[in-house]
Protein backbone atom coordinates (compact mmCIF):
# COMPACT_ATOMS: atom_id res chain seq x y z
CA PHE A 1 -10.29 -26.75 80.64
CA VAL A 2 -13.90 -26.39 79.51
CA GLU A 3 -14.54 -26.64 75.77
CA GLY A 4 -15.88 -23.34 74.49
CA MET A 5 -14.07 -21.07 76.96
CA ALA A 6 -11.74 -18.38 75.64
CA GLN A 7 -8.50 -17.34 77.30
CA GLU A 8 -10.12 -14.17 78.64
CA THR A 9 -13.55 -15.58 79.51
CA CYS A 10 -12.94 -15.43 83.27
CA ARG A 11 -11.22 -12.07 83.55
CA ASP A 12 -13.22 -10.16 80.94
CA TYR A 13 -16.09 -12.00 79.27
CA GLY A 14 -17.34 -8.90 77.43
CA HIS A 15 -14.09 -8.26 75.59
CA SER A 16 -13.51 -11.94 74.86
CA VAL A 17 -16.88 -11.84 73.09
CA LEU A 18 -15.71 -8.86 71.05
CA GLY A 19 -12.84 -11.07 69.88
CA ILE A 20 -15.19 -13.90 68.90
CA ARG A 21 -17.41 -11.44 67.05
CA SER A 22 -14.35 -10.12 65.21
CA ILE A 23 -13.73 -13.67 63.97
CA ILE A 24 -17.37 -13.84 62.87
CA GLY A 25 -17.10 -10.47 61.11
CA THR A 26 -13.93 -11.50 59.28
CA ALA A 27 -15.55 -14.78 58.22
CA THR A 28 -18.60 -12.88 56.98
CA MET A 29 -16.51 -10.58 54.79
CA ALA A 30 -14.55 -13.56 53.44
CA TYR A 31 -17.76 -15.45 52.64
CA THR A 32 -19.05 -12.60 50.45
CA GLN A 33 -15.86 -13.06 48.42
CA GLY A 34 -16.25 -16.83 48.10
CA VAL A 35 -14.01 -18.05 50.95
CA ASP A 36 -15.79 -20.06 53.65
CA LEU A 37 -13.93 -19.43 56.91
CA PHE A 38 -17.03 -20.44 58.87
CA GLU A 39 -16.35 -24.01 57.78
CA PHE A 40 -12.89 -23.83 59.38
CA GLU A 41 -13.97 -22.13 62.62
CA LYS A 42 -17.48 -23.56 63.07
CA ASP A 43 -16.64 -25.83 66.04
CA ARG A 44 -14.77 -23.10 67.90
CA ILE A 45 -17.49 -20.47 67.44
CA ALA A 46 -20.41 -22.82 68.15
CA ALA A 47 -18.79 -24.20 71.30
CA ASN A 48 -18.17 -20.71 72.68
CA VAL A 49 -21.64 -19.38 71.89
CA GLU A 50 -23.46 -22.42 73.26
CA LEU A 51 -21.35 -22.74 76.43
CA THR A 52 -21.50 -19.11 77.48
CA GLY A 53 -25.13 -18.94 76.32
CA SER A 54 -26.05 -21.76 78.69
CA TRP A 55 -24.50 -19.77 81.54
CA LEU A 56 -26.12 -16.49 80.53
CA LEU A 57 -29.54 -18.16 80.27
CA LYS A 58 -28.95 -20.00 83.57
CA GLU A 59 -29.47 -23.36 81.90
CA ARG A 60 -26.18 -24.54 83.39
CA ALA A 61 -24.34 -23.42 86.48
CA ILE A 62 -20.91 -21.92 86.00
CA PRO A 63 -18.51 -24.58 87.34
CA LYS A 64 -16.98 -23.55 90.65
CA GLU A 65 -13.63 -25.02 89.68
CA ILE A 66 -13.05 -22.54 86.86
CA CYS A 67 -11.90 -18.93 87.20
CA GLN A 68 -10.33 -19.80 90.57
CA GLY A 69 -13.80 -19.79 92.06
CA THR A 70 -14.22 -16.01 91.67
CA GLY A 71 -16.85 -16.09 88.94
CA ILE A 72 -16.76 -14.49 85.50
CA ASP A 73 -16.34 -10.73 85.19
CA CYS A 74 -18.56 -9.20 82.54
CA THR A 75 -16.24 -6.30 81.69
CA GLY A 76 -12.84 -6.82 83.21
CA GLY A 77 -13.76 -6.08 86.82
CA SER A 78 -15.26 -2.65 86.12
CA SER A 79 -18.91 -1.81 86.68
CA GLY A 80 -20.22 -4.60 84.49
CA GLY A 81 -20.76 -7.08 87.31
CA LYS A 82 -20.61 -10.84 87.10
CA MET A 83 -22.02 -13.36 84.69
CA PRO A 84 -24.87 -14.21 84.18
CA ASN A 85 -25.70 -10.49 84.32
CA CYS A 86 -24.01 -9.83 80.96
CA GLY A 87 -25.37 -9.13 77.51
CA LYS A 88 -26.77 -11.81 75.23
CA ARG A 89 -26.65 -9.79 72.04
CA GLY A 90 -25.17 -10.01 68.59
CA TRP A 91 -25.22 -13.69 67.58
CA GLU A 92 -27.54 -13.42 64.57
CA VAL A 93 -24.86 -13.71 61.85
CA ALA A 94 -23.12 -16.65 63.51
CA TYR A 95 -26.45 -18.42 63.96
CA ARG A 96 -27.44 -17.89 60.34
CA HIS A 97 -24.21 -19.42 59.07
CA LEU A 98 -23.67 -22.19 61.62
CA HIS A 99 -27.28 -23.27 62.18
CA ASP A 100 -29.18 -22.27 59.05
CA ARG A 101 -26.43 -23.05 56.53
CA LEU A 102 -24.18 -25.66 58.17
CA GLY A 103 -26.86 -27.42 60.23
CA ILE A 104 -25.25 -27.12 63.68
CA ASP A 105 -27.70 -27.38 66.58
CA MET A 106 -27.48 -24.14 68.58
CA PRO A 107 -30.46 -23.91 70.98
CA MET A 108 -28.78 -21.44 73.34
CA ALA A 109 -27.99 -19.04 70.49
CA ALA A 110 -31.58 -19.31 69.25
CA ARG A 111 -32.91 -18.34 72.67
CA MET A 112 -30.51 -15.43 73.08
CA ILE A 113 -31.46 -14.08 69.65
CA LYS A 114 -35.15 -14.40 70.48
CA ASP A 115 -34.67 -12.40 73.68
CA VAL A 116 -32.97 -9.45 71.95
CA LYS A 117 -34.86 -6.42 70.69
CA VAL A 118 -33.27 -4.35 67.97
CA GLU A 119 -34.05 -1.08 69.77
CA ASP A 120 -32.20 -2.31 72.88
CA MET A 121 -28.84 -2.65 71.17
CA ALA A 122 -25.74 -1.03 72.62
CA ARG A 123 -23.06 0.84 70.68
CA TRP A 124 -20.60 -2.04 70.23
CA ASN A 125 -19.80 -4.02 67.09
CA ASN A 126 -22.69 -6.41 67.69
CA LYS A 127 -25.23 -3.67 67.00
CA PRO A 128 -24.92 -3.79 63.18
CA GLU A 129 -25.33 -7.58 63.30
CA THR A 130 -28.71 -7.31 64.96
CA LEU A 131 -29.83 -4.35 62.86
CA THR A 132 -29.00 -6.09 59.56
CA ALA A 133 -29.62 -9.76 60.38
CA HIS A 134 -32.34 -9.94 63.05
CA GLY A 135 -35.17 -12.21 61.94
CA ILE A 136 -33.71 -12.85 58.46
CA PRO A 137 -32.99 -16.52 57.64
CA PHE A 138 -29.76 -17.37 55.87
CA SER A 139 -29.90 -17.38 52.09
CA ASP A 140 -27.08 -18.88 50.04
CA ALA A 141 -28.45 -17.46 46.82
CA PRO A 142 -25.75 -14.81 46.29
CA ILE A 143 -22.90 -17.30 46.50
CA MET A 144 -24.11 -20.67 45.29
CA SER A 145 -20.72 -21.84 44.08
CA ILE A 146 -17.43 -21.67 45.95
CA SER A 147 -15.28 -23.28 43.34
CA ALA A 148 -12.45 -22.93 40.88
CA ALA A 149 -13.71 -19.47 40.03
CA GLN A 150 -12.11 -18.27 43.26
CA ASN A 151 -8.55 -18.70 41.96
CA HIS A 152 -6.60 -15.70 40.72
CA ALA A 153 -7.22 -16.56 37.08
CA GLU A 154 -10.98 -15.98 37.33
CA ARG A 155 -12.12 -13.26 39.66
CA ILE A 156 -13.67 -9.83 40.00
CA LYS A 157 -10.79 -7.36 40.22
CA HIS A 158 -12.91 -4.42 41.29
CA VAL A 159 -16.42 -2.98 41.29
CA ARG A 160 -17.02 0.74 41.40
CA SER A 161 -20.08 2.97 41.25
CA LEU A 162 -20.16 5.72 38.64
CA PRO A 163 -22.10 9.01 38.74
CA ASN A 164 -24.51 8.08 35.91
CA ALA A 165 -26.31 5.32 37.89
CA THR A 166 -24.03 2.59 36.61
CA ALA A 167 -21.46 0.26 38.11
CA GLU A 168 -18.23 -0.79 36.40
CA ILE A 169 -17.09 -4.38 36.85
CA SER A 170 -13.50 -5.38 36.08
CA PHE A 171 -12.87 -9.13 35.92
CA THR A 172 -10.63 -11.79 34.42
CA LEU A 173 -11.42 -15.15 32.82
CA ALA A 174 -9.27 -18.26 32.43
CA SER A 175 -11.33 -19.49 29.47
CA THR A 176 -14.23 -18.43 27.28
CA LYS A 177 -17.48 -18.31 29.24
CA THR A 178 -21.02 -16.98 29.14
CA VAL A 179 -21.18 -14.31 31.83
CA HIS A 180 -24.07 -12.85 33.82
CA ALA A 181 -24.03 -10.24 36.60
CA ALA A 182 -26.57 -10.83 39.38
CA VAL A 183 -27.22 -8.27 42.12
CA TYR A 184 -28.63 -9.34 45.51
CA ASN A 185 -29.57 -7.32 48.53
CA MET A 186 -27.96 -8.22 51.86
CA GLY A 187 -30.90 -10.46 52.72
CA GLY A 188 -30.23 -12.65 49.68
CA THR A 189 -33.06 -11.40 47.43
CA LEU A 190 -32.25 -11.18 43.72
CA MET A 191 -32.64 -7.55 42.60
CA ASP A 192 -31.37 -7.75 39.02
CA ARG A 193 -29.63 -10.16 36.62
CA VAL A 194 -27.85 -8.77 33.56
CA PRO A 195 -26.41 -10.83 30.67
CA LEU A 196 -22.86 -9.79 29.78
CA GLY A 197 -22.55 -12.16 26.83
CA ASP A 198 -19.83 -14.60 25.83
CA ARG A 199 -16.40 -13.42 26.97
CA ILE A 200 -13.03 -14.80 25.91
CA THR A 201 -9.95 -15.53 28.05
CA GLY A 202 -8.38 -12.42 29.58
CA ALA A 203 -9.32 -9.14 31.25
CA HIS A 204 -12.71 -7.51 30.79
CA LYS A 205 -14.77 -4.51 31.86
CA ALA A 206 -18.54 -4.25 31.83
CA LEU A 207 -21.12 -1.66 32.85
CA ILE A 208 -24.45 -2.43 34.49
CA SER A 209 -27.25 -0.05 35.41
CA THR A 210 -27.95 0.63 39.09
CA SER A 211 -30.80 3.06 38.47
CA ALA A 212 -33.40 0.70 39.97
CA LEU A 213 -31.40 0.20 43.19
CA LYS A 214 -31.61 2.35 46.30
CA PRO A 215 -28.30 3.61 47.74
CA GLY A 216 -26.72 0.99 49.99
CA MET A 217 -24.73 -2.24 50.07
CA TYR A 218 -25.40 -5.16 47.72
CA LEU A 219 -23.73 -8.38 46.65
CA LEU A 220 -22.63 -8.60 43.04
CA LYS A 221 -22.38 -12.20 41.89
CA LEU A 222 -20.59 -12.72 38.59
CA GLU A 223 -21.81 -15.98 37.07
CA LEU A 224 -19.04 -17.54 34.97
CA GLY A 225 -20.62 -20.51 33.28
CA ALA A 226 -20.96 -23.15 36.01
CA ASN A 227 -18.83 -21.11 38.44
CA SER A 228 -19.29 -17.81 40.21
CA THR A 229 -17.41 -15.18 42.18
CA THR A 230 -18.83 -12.43 44.37
CA ARG A 231 -17.89 -8.94 45.56
CA LEU A 232 -19.60 -6.18 47.47
CA LEU A 233 -21.31 -3.48 45.43
CA THR A 234 -21.89 -0.05 46.99
CA VAL A 235 -24.58 1.99 45.26
CA LEU A 236 -24.10 5.70 45.94
CA SER A 237 -26.39 8.68 45.57
CA PHE A 238 -24.47 11.24 43.52
C-alpha cells in the first residue's frame, strides 16, 4: 500500500480523480454553508494530489511493485494511455483550501496548477474549478466564523431573488442580535453590507437590494452578532 493511492488508481486513474474531485466539490459546497469538511478530509486529499502529482510531473518514479507491474492506466485501458501521460488539471480549489487556508505544503499541486492554461481545459468537472479559481488566492472573508450560528436554531432558511432587483432572506435567531447582511463575490471581495437592525428571537424575513450586482453567484453572509452563517445567493436578470 502506498499512502495517497485510491482503490482505482491503477486500473483507471482518470476516473479515480473524478471521485477525488467530487469529494472536493462536496466539501466546497459545505464550506459555503459553514461546515468545514476540508478539515476532516485534508490528509486524504493532500496525500492523493501530491503522490499522483509527483508521478505526473516525473519527480518520482511509479513503483514497479504496485499495479502488478503493468503501470497506471489513464482512462481504464481505453485510448488514454499510461501515466505519466495523463492530465494535471483541476486542483485549484483543493490547493486554495489545503495550502492557502490550512497551511499544508503542496509543491506538486502548485506546479500542476502553474502548468495549466484556462483555455486548455477539457469538458470534465475540473473545468469549472480552473475557470473560477485559477490564479485567485483563498479568501476566508465570506465565512469568518464557523460557530454556534451553524446549529438549527440560528441559520438562514432560504435566500431567493425577486423580480424587482431584491433578494429575500429568511432566517431564525436563538436570541436577540444585531444583524447585518454582507454580500461577497466568489473571489471573496465584499460587494455590499446592509444593516438589518436588532432582531429578536424567532423567525425573520428581510429584503436587500441587488440592483448594484451583476447576474451571477454570490455568497450571502448573515452576521449575527459575533457569529455568522452563509448561503449562496443567485442574482438573476429578470
